[in-house]
């Protein structure tokens, strides 16, 4: 379940702008989702191989080129499906945990 939530969060983060992996980690950390690089990079690769993400190389003024990840059109459609599923799950949990 955690992996699915992380995918959802990563795709959501990248729906607004392309990002460098360390920036993605920072956003997850800000949201109190602690993820290590050893978890993030394989997940980004899997999402890229599934056609949900792409990346662009950009020269850096302070070191080697950086890989920036961005959402593909397919990734955007998949993200919308995830949002619908998340909302349904959230509603189901709220209904079953409400005090009677």
PDB file of N, CA and C in Angstrom:
ATOM      1  N   UNK A   1       0.825  -1.192   0.000  1.00  0.00           N
ATOM      2  CA  UNK A   1       0.000   0.000   0.000  1.00  0.00           C
ATOM      3  C   UNK A   1       0.870   1.257   0.000  1.00  0.00           C
ATOM      4  N   UNK A   2       1.951   1.222   0.765  1.00  0.00           N
ATOM      5  CA  UNK A   2       2.842   2.382   0.835  1.00  0.00           C
ATOM      6  C   UNK A   2       3.419   2.717  -0.532  1.00  0.00           C
ATOM      7  N   UNK A   3       3.803   1.676  -1.297  1.00  0.00           N
ATOM      8  CA  UNK A   3       4.374   1.906  -2.619  1.00  0.00           C
ATOM      9  C   UNK A   3       3.364   2.620  -3.513  1.00  0.00           C
ATOM     10  N   UNK A   4       2.113   2.202  -3.457  1.00  0.00           N
ATOM     11  CA  UNK A   4       1.074   2.840  -4.252  1.00  0.00           C
ATOM     12  C   UNK A   4       0.860   4.285  -3.858  1.00  0.00           C
ATOM     13  N   UNK A   5       0.914   4.557  -2.568  1.00  0.00           N
ATOM     14  CA  UNK A   5       0.751   5.926  -2.088  1.00  0.00           C
ATOM     15  C   UNK A   5       1.942   6.774  -2.524  1.00  0.00           C
ATOM     16  N   UNK A   6       3.138   6.209  -2.472  1.00  0.00           N
ATOM     17  CA  UNK A   6       4.317   6.944  -2.922  1.00  0.00           C
ATOM     18  C   UNK A   6       4.232   7.259  -4.409  1.00  0.00           C
ATOM     19  N   UNK A   7       3.791   6.301  -5.204  1.00  0.00           N
ATOM     20  CA  UNK A   7       3.608   6.550  -6.637  1.00  0.00           C
ATOM     21  C   UNK A   7       2.646   7.717  -6.839  1.00  0.00           C
ATOM     22  N   UNK A   8       1.527   7.673  -6.135  1.00  0.00           N
ATOM     23  CA  UNK A   8       0.516   8.718  -6.231  1.00  0.00           C
ATOM     24  C   UNK A   8       1.122  10.073  -5.867  1.00  0.00           C
ATOM     25  N   UNK A   9       1.864  10.123  -4.774  1.00  0.00           N
ATOM     26  CA  UNK A   9       2.475  11.375  -4.323  1.00  0.00           C
ATOM     27  C   UNK A   9       3.504  11.885  -5.323  1.00  0.00           C
ATOM     28  N   UNK A  10       4.342  11.005  -5.832  1.00  0.00           N
ATOM     29  CA  UNK A  10       5.376  11.408  -6.798  1.00  0.00           C
ATOM     30  C   UNK A  10       4.736  11.931  -8.074  1.00  0.00           C
ATOM     31  N   UNK A  11       3.761  11.215  -8.599  1.00  0.00           N
ATOM     32  CA  UNK A  11       3.089  11.678  -9.815  1.00  0.00           C
ATOM     33  C   UNK A  11       2.386  13.014  -9.565  1.00  0.00           C
ATOM     34  N   UNK A  12       1.801  13.183  -8.393  1.00  0.00           N
ATOM     35  CA  UNK A  12       1.139  14.449  -8.056  1.00  0.00           C
ATOM     36  C   UNK A  12       2.146  15.590  -7.999  1.00  0.00           C
ATOM     37  N   UNK A  13       3.271  15.354  -7.373  1.00  0.00           N
ATOM     38  CA  UNK A  13       4.321  16.377  -7.288  1.00  0.00           C
ATOM     39  C   UNK A  13       4.771  16.788  -8.683  1.00  0.00           C
ATOM     40  N   UNK A  14       4.958  15.800  -9.550  1.00  0.00           N
ATOM     41  CA  UNK A  14       5.458  16.092 -10.894  1.00  0.00           C
ATOM     42  C   UNK A  14       4.377  16.615 -11.834  1.00  0.00           C
ATOM     43  N   UNK A  15       3.133  16.604 -11.402  1.00  0.00           N
ATOM     44  CA  UNK A  15       2.069  17.136 -12.259  1.00  0.00           C
ATOM     45  C   UNK A  15       2.145  18.662 -12.341  1.00  0.00           C
ATOM     46  N   UNK A  16       2.801  19.285 -11.383  1.00  0.00           N
ATOM     47  CA  UNK A  16       2.907  20.743 -11.347  1.00  0.00           C
ATOM     48  C   UNK A  16       4.138  21.277 -12.061  1.00  0.00           C
ATOM     49  N   UNK A  17       5.232  20.517 -12.011  1.00  0.00           N
ATOM     50  CA  UNK A  17       6.480  20.965 -12.632  1.00  0.00           C
ATOM     51  C   UNK A  17       7.469  19.813 -12.688  1.00  0.00           C
ATOM     52  N   UNK A  18       8.428  19.926 -13.578  1.00  0.00           N
ATOM     53  CA  UNK A  18       9.484  18.911 -13.639  1.00  0.00           C
ATOM     54  C   UNK A  18      10.418  19.152 -12.456  1.00  0.00           C
ATOM     55  N   UNK A  19      11.018  18.074 -11.966  1.00  0.00           N
ATOM     56  CA  UNK A  19      11.850  18.208 -10.772  1.00  0.00           C
ATOM     57  C   UNK A  19      13.038  17.265 -10.802  1.00  0.00           C
ATOM     58  N   UNK A  20      14.058  17.691 -10.115  1.00  0.00           N
ATOM     59  CA  UNK A  20      15.252  16.910  -9.860  1.00  0.00           C
ATOM     60  C   UNK A  20      14.922  15.961  -8.703  1.00  0.00           C
ATOM     61  N   UNK A  21      15.517  14.783  -8.691  1.00  0.00           N
ATOM     62  CA  UNK A  21      15.181  13.773  -7.677  1.00  0.00           C
ATOM     63  C   UNK A  21      15.320  14.292  -6.243  1.00  0.00           C
ATOM     64  N   UNK A  22      16.361  15.055  -5.963  1.00  0.00           N
ATOM     65  CA  UNK A  22      16.523  15.553  -4.589  1.00  0.00           C
ATOM     66  C   UNK A  22      15.424  16.537  -4.221  1.00  0.00           C
ATOM     67  N   UNK A  23      14.876  17.251  -5.208  1.00  0.00           N
ATOM     68  CA  UNK A  23      13.749  18.150  -4.934  1.00  0.00           C
ATOM     69  C   UNK A  23      12.489  17.350  -4.623  1.00  0.00           C
ATOM     70  N   UNK A  24      12.315  16.215  -5.318  1.00  0.00           N
ATOM     71  CA  UNK A  24      11.180  15.334  -5.027  1.00  0.00           C
ATOM     72  C   UNK A  24      11.297  14.819  -3.600  1.00  0.00           C
ATOM     73  N   UNK A  25      12.494  14.379  -3.224  1.00  0.00           N
ATOM     74  CA  UNK A  25      12.719  13.917  -1.850  1.00  0.00           C
ATOM     75  C   UNK A  25      12.390  15.016  -0.843  1.00  0.00           C
ATOM     76  N   UNK A  26      12.787  16.251  -1.156  1.00  0.00           N
ATOM     77  CA  UNK A  26      12.504  17.378  -0.271  1.00  0.00           C
ATOM     78  C   UNK A  26      11.015  17.614  -0.092  1.00  0.00           C
ATOM     79  N   UNK A  27      10.269  17.529  -1.189  1.00  0.00           N
ATOM     80  CA  UNK A  27       8.811  17.718  -1.106  1.00  0.00           C
ATOM     81  C   UNK A  27       8.165  16.615  -0.279  1.00  0.00           C
ATOM     82  N   UNK A  28       8.633  15.380  -0.473  1.00  0.00           N
ATOM     83  CA  UNK A  28       8.094  14.273   0.316  1.00  0.00           C
ATOM     84  C   UNK A  28       8.414  14.468   1.797  1.00  0.00           C
ATOM     85  N   UNK A  29       9.625  14.933   2.069  1.00  0.00           N
ATOM     86  CA  UNK A  29      10.037  15.170   3.453  1.00  0.00           C
ATOM     87  C   UNK A  29       9.189  16.278   4.078  1.00  0.00           C
ATOM     88  N   UNK A  30       8.916  17.342   3.323  1.00  0.00           N
ATOM     89  CA  UNK A  30       8.065  18.428   3.816  1.00  0.00           C
ATOM     90  C   UNK A  30       6.688  17.906   4.208  1.00  0.00           C
ATOM     91  N   UNK A  31       6.220  16.901   3.472  1.00  0.00           N
ATOM     92  CA  UNK A  31       4.906  16.312   3.745  1.00  0.00           C
ATOM     93  C   UNK A  31       4.981  15.233   4.824  1.00  0.00           C
ATOM     94  N   UNK A  32       6.173  15.067   5.387  1.00  0.00           N
ATOM     95  CA  UNK A  32       6.423  14.089   6.448  1.00  0.00           C
ATOM     96  C   UNK A  32       6.351  12.646   5.953  1.00  0.00           C
ATOM     97  N   UNK A  33       6.623  12.469   4.659  1.00  0.00           N
ATOM     98  CA  UNK A  33       6.770  11.135   4.075  1.00  0.00           C
ATOM     99  C   UNK A  33       8.258  10.906   3.890  1.00  0.00           C
ATOM    100  N   UNK A  34       8.850  10.212   4.818  1.00  0.00           N
ATOM    101  CA  UNK A  34      10.286  10.014   4.775  1.00  0.00           C
ATOM    102  C   UNK A  34      10.632   8.875   3.819  1.00  0.00           C
ATOM    103  N   UNK A  35      11.321   9.226   2.759  1.00  0.00           N
ATOM    104  CA  UNK A  35      11.706   8.283   1.720  1.00  0.00           C
ATOM    105  C   UNK A  35      13.199   8.467   1.479  1.00  0.00           C
ATOM    106  N   UNK A  36      13.914   7.373   1.369  1.00  0.00           N
ATOM    107  CA  UNK A  36      15.348   7.448   1.110  1.00  0.00           C
ATOM    108  C   UNK A  36      15.608   7.296  -0.386  1.00  0.00           C
ATOM    109  N   UNK A  37      16.789   7.733  -0.819  1.00  0.00           N
ATOM    110  CA  UNK A  37      17.150   7.652  -2.230  1.00  0.00           C
ATOM    111  C   UNK A  37      17.059   6.230  -2.750  1.00  0.00           C
ATOM    112  N   UNK A  38      17.415   5.266  -1.916  1.00  0.00           N
ATOM    113  CA  UNK A  38      17.379   3.864  -2.324  1.00  0.00           C
ATOM    114  C   UNK A  38      15.978   3.366  -2.636  1.00  0.00           C
ATOM    115  N   UNK A  39      14.977   4.075  -2.158  1.00  0.00           N
ATOM    116  CA  UNK A  39      13.584   3.760  -2.483  1.00  0.00           C
ATOM    117  C   UNK A  39      13.119   4.583  -3.674  1.00  0.00           C
ATOM    118  N   UNK A  40      13.513   5.855  -3.712  1.00  0.00           N
ATOM    119  CA  UNK A  40      13.021   6.762  -4.739  1.00  0.00           C
ATOM    120  C   UNK A  40      13.514   6.409  -6.138  1.00  0.00           C
ATOM    121  N   UNK A  41      14.808   6.204  -6.298  1.00  0.00           N
ATOM    122  CA  UNK A  41      15.355   5.993  -7.639  1.00  0.00           C
ATOM    123  C   UNK A  41      14.787   4.765  -8.343  1.00  0.00           C
ATOM    124  N   UNK A  42      14.674   3.618  -7.687  1.00  0.00           N
ATOM    125  CA  UNK A  42      14.040   2.478  -8.375  1.00  0.00           C
ATOM    126  C   UNK A  42      12.582   2.755  -8.743  1.00  0.00           C
ATOM    127  N   UNK A  43      11.878   3.493  -7.892  1.00  0.00           N
ATOM    128  CA  UNK A  43      10.487   3.831  -8.163  1.00  0.00           C
ATOM    129  C   UNK A  43      10.389   4.770  -9.369  1.00  0.00           C
ATOM    130  N   UNK A  44      11.266   5.762  -9.442  1.00  0.00           N
ATOM    131  CA  UNK A  44      11.287   6.667 -10.598  1.00  0.00           C
ATOM    132  C   UNK A  44      11.594   5.895 -11.878  1.00  0.00           C
ATOM    133  N   UNK A  45      12.530   4.958 -11.799  1.00  0.00           N
ATOM    134  CA  UNK A  45      12.880   4.147 -12.971  1.00  0.00           C
ATOM    135  C   UNK A  45      11.694   3.302 -13.402  1.00  0.00           C
ATOM    136  N   UNK A  46      11.006   2.698 -12.451  1.00  0.00           N
ATOM    137  CA  UNK A  46       9.845   1.870 -12.775  1.00  0.00           C
ATOM    138  C   UNK A  46       8.740   2.703 -13.412  1.00  0.00           C
ATOM    139  N   UNK A  47       8.490   3.897 -12.880  1.00  0.00           N
ATOM    140  CA  UNK A  47       7.471   4.781 -13.445  1.00  0.00           C
ATOM    141  C   UNK A  47       7.858   5.248 -14.845  1.00  0.00           C
ATOM    142  N   UNK A  48       9.147   5.477 -15.051  1.00  0.00           N
ATOM    143  CA  UNK A  48       9.634   5.864 -16.380  1.00  0.00           C
ATOM    144  C   UNK A  48       9.474   4.709 -17.357  1.00  0.00           C
ATOM    145  N   UNK A  49       9.849   3.501 -16.940  1.00  0.00           N
ATOM    146  CA  UNK A  49       9.730   2.331 -17.810  1.00  0.00           C
ATOM    147  C   UNK A  49       8.274   2.011 -18.151  1.00  0.00           C
ATOM    148  N   UNK A  50       7.363   2.398 -17.268  1.00  0.00           N
ATOM    149  CA  UNK A  50       5.932   2.193 -17.510  1.00  0.00           C
ATOM    150  C   UNK A  50       5.347   3.289 -18.402  1.00  0.00           C
ATOM    151  N   UNK A  51       6.151   4.278 -18.758  1.00  0.00           N
ATOM    152  CA  UNK A  51       5.692   5.353 -19.629  1.00  0.00           C
ATOM    153  C   UNK A  51       4.956   6.463 -18.911  1.00  0.00           C
ATOM    154  N   UNK A  52       5.018   6.463 -17.581  1.00  0.00           N
ATOM    155  CA  UNK A  52       4.312   7.475 -16.800  1.00  0.00           C
ATOM    156  C   UNK A  52       5.156   8.721 -16.566  1.00  0.00           C
ATOM    157  N   UNK A  53       6.465   8.545 -16.597  1.00  0.00           N
ATOM    158  CA  UNK A  53       7.411   9.648 -16.429  1.00  0.00           C
ATOM    159  C   UNK A  53       8.389   9.656 -17.585  1.00  0.00           C
ATOM    160  N   UNK A  54       8.977  10.816 -17.799  1.00  0.00           N
ATOM    161  CA  UNK A  54      10.092  10.960 -18.726  1.00  0.00           C
ATOM    162  C   UNK A  54      11.130  11.793 -17.978  1.00  0.00           C
ATOM    163  N   UNK A  55      12.294  11.952 -18.567  1.00  0.00           N
ATOM    164  CA  UNK A  55      13.276  12.828 -17.949  1.00  0.00           C
ATOM    165  C   UNK A  55      14.037  13.598 -19.004  1.00  0.00           C
ATOM    166  N   UNK A  56      14.587  14.712 -18.572  1.00  0.00           N
ATOM    167  CA  UNK A  56      15.400  15.576 -19.421  1.00  0.00           C
ATOM    168  C   UNK A  56      16.696  15.865 -18.673  1.00  0.00           C
ATOM    169  N   UNK A  57      17.792  15.859 -19.409  1.00  0.00           N
ATOM    170  CA  UNK A  57      19.070  16.233 -18.828  1.00  0.00           C
ATOM    171  C   UNK A  57      19.254  17.727 -18.983  1.00  0.00           C
ATOM    172  N   UNK A  58      19.763  18.361 -17.926  1.00  0.00           N
ATOM    173  CA  UNK A  58      20.028  19.792 -17.982  1.00  0.00           C
ATOM    174  C   UNK A  58      21.396  20.063 -17.374  1.00  0.00           C
ATOM    175  N   UNK A  59      22.171  20.879 -18.063  1.00  0.00           N
ATOM    176  CA  UNK A  59      23.489  21.246 -17.546  1.00  0.00           C
ATOM    177  C   UNK A  59      23.335  22.006 -16.235  1.00  0.00           C
ATOM    178  N   UNK A  60      24.263  21.753 -15.327  1.00  0.00           N
ATOM    179  CA  UNK A  60      24.243  22.413 -14.024  1.00  0.00           C
ATOM    180  C   UNK A  60      25.425  23.367 -13.932  1.00  0.00           C
ATOM    181  N   UNK A  61      25.212  24.500 -13.284  1.00  0.00           N
ATOM    182  CA  UNK A  61      26.309  25.459 -13.105  1.00  0.00           C
ATOM    183  C   UNK A  61      27.247  25.020 -11.982  1.00  0.00           C
ATOM    184  N   UNK A  62      26.804  24.051 -11.185  1.00  0.00           N
ATOM    185  CA  UNK A  62      27.612  23.648 -10.027  1.00  0.00           C
ATOM    186  C   UNK A  62      27.884  22.142 -10.013  1.00  0.00           C
ATOM    187  N   UNK A  63      28.210  21.570 -11.173  1.00  0.00           N
ATOM    188  CA  UNK A  63      28.526  20.149 -11.188  1.00  0.00           C
ATOM    189  C   UNK A  63      28.059  19.473 -12.464  1.00  0.00           C
ATOM    190  N   UNK A  64      27.875  18.161 -12.381  1.00  0.00           N
ATOM    191  CA  UNK A  64      27.479  17.398 -13.575  1.00  0.00           C
ATOM    192  C   UNK A  64      26.037  17.710 -13.988  1.00  0.00           C
ATOM    193  N   UNK A  65      25.654  17.319 -15.194  1.00  0.00           N
ATOM    194  CA  UNK A  65      24.266  17.542 -15.636  1.00  0.00           C
ATOM    195  C   UNK A  65      23.290  16.871 -14.682  1.00  0.00           C
ATOM    196  N   UNK A  66      22.097  17.434 -14.598  1.00  0.00           N
ATOM    197  CA  UNK A  66      21.055  16.908 -13.713  1.00  0.00           C
ATOM    198  C   UNK A  66      19.919  16.314 -14.533  1.00  0.00           C
ATOM    199  N   UNK A  67      19.328  15.264 -13.995  1.00  0.00           N
ATOM    200  CA  UNK A  67      18.189  14.611 -14.625  1.00  0.00           C
ATOM    201  C   UNK A  67      16.915  15.139 -13.966  1.00  0.00           C
ATOM    202  N   UNK A  68      16.081  15.786 -14.772  1.00  0.00           N
ATOM    203  CA  UNK A  68      14.813  16.309 -14.286  1.00  0.00           C
ATOM    204  C   UNK A  68      13.684  15.415 -14.779  1.00  0.00           C
ATOM    205  N   UNK A  69      12.829  15.018 -13.856  1.00  0.00           N
ATOM    206  CA  UNK A  69      11.709  14.129 -14.172  1.00  0.00           C
ATOM    207  C   UNK A  69      10.461  14.952 -14.440  1.00  0.00           C
ATOM    208  N   UNK A  70       9.630  14.466 -15.373  1.00  0.00           N
ATOM    209  CA  UNK A  70       8.374  15.120 -15.681  1.00  0.00           C
ATOM    210  C   UNK A  70       7.322  14.079 -16.015  1.00  0.00           C
ATOM    211  N   UNK A  71       6.095  14.458 -15.818  1.00  0.00           N
ATOM    212  CA  UNK A  71       4.954  13.585 -16.072  1.00  0.00           C
ATOM    213  C   UNK A  71       4.683  13.525 -17.572  1.00  0.00           C
ATOM    214  N   UNK A  72       4.427  12.338 -18.090  1.00  0.00           N
ATOM    215  CA  UNK A  72       4.032  12.191 -19.492  1.00  0.00           C
ATOM    216  C   UNK A  72       2.518  12.345 -19.597  1.00  0.00           C
ATOM    217  N   UNK A  73       2.021  12.387 -20.809  1.00  0.00           N
ATOM    218  CA  UNK A  73       0.574  12.453 -21.012  1.00  0.00           C
ATOM    219  C   UNK A  73      -0.096  11.210 -20.420  1.00  0.00           C
ATOM    220  N   UNK A  74       0.514  10.048 -20.647  1.00  0.00           N
ATOM    221  CA  UNK A  74       0.003   8.799 -20.069  1.00  0.00           C
ATOM    222  C   UNK A  74       0.025   8.877 -18.548  1.00  0.00           C
ATOM    223  N   UNK A  75       1.092   9.446 -17.998  1.00  0.00           N
ATOM    224  CA  UNK A  75       1.204   9.616 -16.559  1.00  0.00           C
ATOM    225  C   UNK A  75       0.118  10.518 -16.005  1.00  0.00           C
ATOM    226  N   UNK A  76      -0.239  11.553 -16.750  1.00  0.00           N
ATOM    227  CA  UNK A  76      -1.307  12.450 -16.326  1.00  0.00           C
ATOM    228  C   UNK A  76      -2.652  11.741 -16.262  1.00  0.00           C
ATOM    229  N   UNK A  77      -2.923  10.897 -17.270  1.00  0.00           N
ATOM    230  CA  UNK A  77      -4.176  10.142 -17.263  1.00  0.00           C
ATOM    231  C   UNK A  77      -4.198   9.138 -16.107  1.00  0.00           C
ATOM    232  N   UNK A  78      -3.049   8.474 -15.884  1.00  0.00           N
ATOM    233  CA  UNK A  78      -2.958   7.518 -14.785  1.00  0.00           C
ATOM    234  C   UNK A  78      -3.134   8.220 -13.444  1.00  0.00           C
ATOM    235  N   UNK A  79      -2.580   9.411 -13.313  1.00  0.00           N
ATOM    236  CA  UNK A  79      -2.720  10.186 -12.079  1.00  0.00           C
ATOM    237  C   UNK A  79      -4.180  10.495 -11.806  1.00  0.00           C
ATOM    238  N   UNK A  80      -4.934  10.841 -12.825  1.00  0.00           N
ATOM    239  CA  UNK A  80      -6.356  11.115 -12.631  1.00  0.00           C
ATOM    240  C   UNK A  80      -7.085   9.867 -12.141  1.00  0.00           C
ATOM    241  N   UNK A  81      -6.738   8.705 -12.679  1.00  0.00           N
ATOM    242  CA  UNK A  81      -7.335   7.451 -12.206  1.00  0.00           C
ATOM    243  C   UNK A  81      -6.979   7.205 -10.743  1.00  0.00           C
ATOM    244  N   UNK A  82      -5.719   7.465 -10.395  1.00  0.00           N
ATOM    245  CA  UNK A  82      -5.298   7.300  -9.001  1.00  0.00           C
ATOM    246  C   UNK A  82      -6.070   8.241  -8.078  1.00  0.00           C
ATOM    247  N   UNK A  83      -6.288   9.462  -8.524  1.00  0.00           N
ATOM    248  CA  UNK A  83      -7.040  10.432  -7.697  1.00  0.00           C
ATOM    249  C   UNK A  83      -8.460   9.938  -7.448  1.00  0.00           C
ATOM    250  N   UNK A  84      -9.090   9.415  -8.494  1.00  0.00           N
ATOM    251  CA  UNK A  84     -10.446   8.884  -8.328  1.00  0.00           C
ATOM    252  C   UNK A  84     -10.452   7.718  -7.349  1.00  0.00           C
ATOM    253  N   UNK A  85      -9.499   6.811  -7.503  1.00  0.00           N
ATOM    254  CA  UNK A  85      -9.409   5.656  -6.606  1.00  0.00           C
ATOM    255  C   UNK A  85      -9.143   6.105  -5.178  1.00  0.00           C
ATOM    256  N   UNK A  86      -8.249   7.077  -5.009  1.00  0.00           N
ATOM    257  CA  UNK A  86      -7.931   7.601  -3.682  1.00  0.00           C
ATOM    258  C   UNK A  86      -9.171   8.193  -3.029  1.00  0.00           C
ATOM    259  N   UNK A  87      -9.931   8.974  -3.785  1.00  0.00           N
ATOM    260  CA  UNK A  87     -11.140   9.586  -3.231  1.00  0.00           C
ATOM    261  C   UNK A  87     -12.152   8.522  -2.816  1.00  0.00           C
ATOM    262  N   UNK A  88     -12.316   7.481  -3.624  1.00  0.00           N
ATOM    263  CA  UNK A  88     -13.226   6.392  -3.275  1.00  0.00           C
ATOM    264  C   UNK A  88     -12.764   5.685  -2.003  1.00  0.00           C
ATOM    265  N   UNK A  89     -11.462   5.422  -1.902  1.00  0.00           N
ATOM    266  CA  UNK A  89     -10.906   4.763  -0.716  1.00  0.00           C
ATOM    267  C   UNK A  89     -11.075   5.636   0.517  1.00  0.00           C
ATOM    268  N   UNK A  90     -10.792   6.910   0.368  1.00  0.00           N
ATOM    269  CA  UNK A  90     -10.930   7.843   1.486  1.00  0.00           C
ATOM    270  C   UNK A  90     -12.383   7.881   1.976  1.00  0.00           C
ATOM    271  N   UNK A  91     -13.325   7.951   1.050  1.00  0.00           N
ATOM    272  CA  UNK A  91     -14.742   7.953   1.433  1.00  0.00           C
ATOM    273  C   UNK A  91     -15.134   6.659   2.132  1.00  0.00           C
ATOM    274  N   UNK A  92     -14.651   5.531   1.631  1.00  0.00           N
ATOM    275  CA  UNK A  92     -14.974   4.239   2.245  1.00  0.00           C
ATOM    276  C   UNK A  92     -14.419   4.164   3.663  1.00  0.00           C
ATOM    277  N   UNK A  93     -13.209   4.622   3.855  1.00  0.00           N
ATOM    278  CA  UNK A  93     -12.593   4.587   5.191  1.00  0.00           C
ATOM    279  C   UNK A  93     -13.368   5.514   6.140  1.00  0.00           C
ATOM    280  N   UNK A  94     -13.715   6.690   5.656  1.00  0.00           N
ATOM    281  CA  UNK A  94     -14.466   7.612   6.511  1.00  0.00           C
ATOM    282  C   UNK A  94     -15.812   7.030   6.912  1.00  0.00           C
ATOM    283  N   UNK A  95     -16.483   6.377   5.973  1.00  0.00           N
ATOM    284  CA  UNK A  95     -17.792   5.775   6.276  1.00  0.00           C
ATOM    285  C   UNK A  95     -17.676   4.648   7.291  1.00  0.00           C
ATOM    286  N   UNK A  96     -16.622   3.854   7.187  1.00  0.00           N
ATOM    287  CA  UNK A  96     -16.498   2.713   8.093  1.00  0.00           C
ATOM    288  C   UNK A  96     -15.914   3.099   9.451  1.00  0.00           C
ATOM    289  N   UNK A  97     -15.312   4.262   9.536  1.00  0.00           N
ATOM    290  CA  UNK A  97     -14.716   4.652  10.818  1.00  0.00           C
ATOM    291  C   UNK A  97     -15.517   5.724  11.537  1.00  0.00           C
ATOM    292  N   UNK A  98     -16.618   6.175  10.938  1.00  0.00           N
ATOM    293  CA  UNK A  98     -17.463   7.160  11.601  1.00  0.00           C
ATOM    294  C   UNK A  98     -18.070   6.567  12.861  1.00  0.00           C
ATOM    295  N   UNK A  99     -18.176   7.393  13.869  1.00  0.00           N
ATOM    296  CA  UNK A  99     -18.872   6.943  15.081  1.00  0.00           C
ATOM    297  C   UNK A  99     -20.360   6.931  14.783  1.00  0.00           C
ATOM    298  N   UNK A 100     -21.001   5.884  15.199  1.00  0.00           N
ATOM    299  CA  UNK A 100     -22.434   5.728  14.960  1.00  0.00           C
ATOM    300  C   UNK A 100     -23.244   6.477  15.977  1.00  0.00           C
TER     301      UNK A 100
END
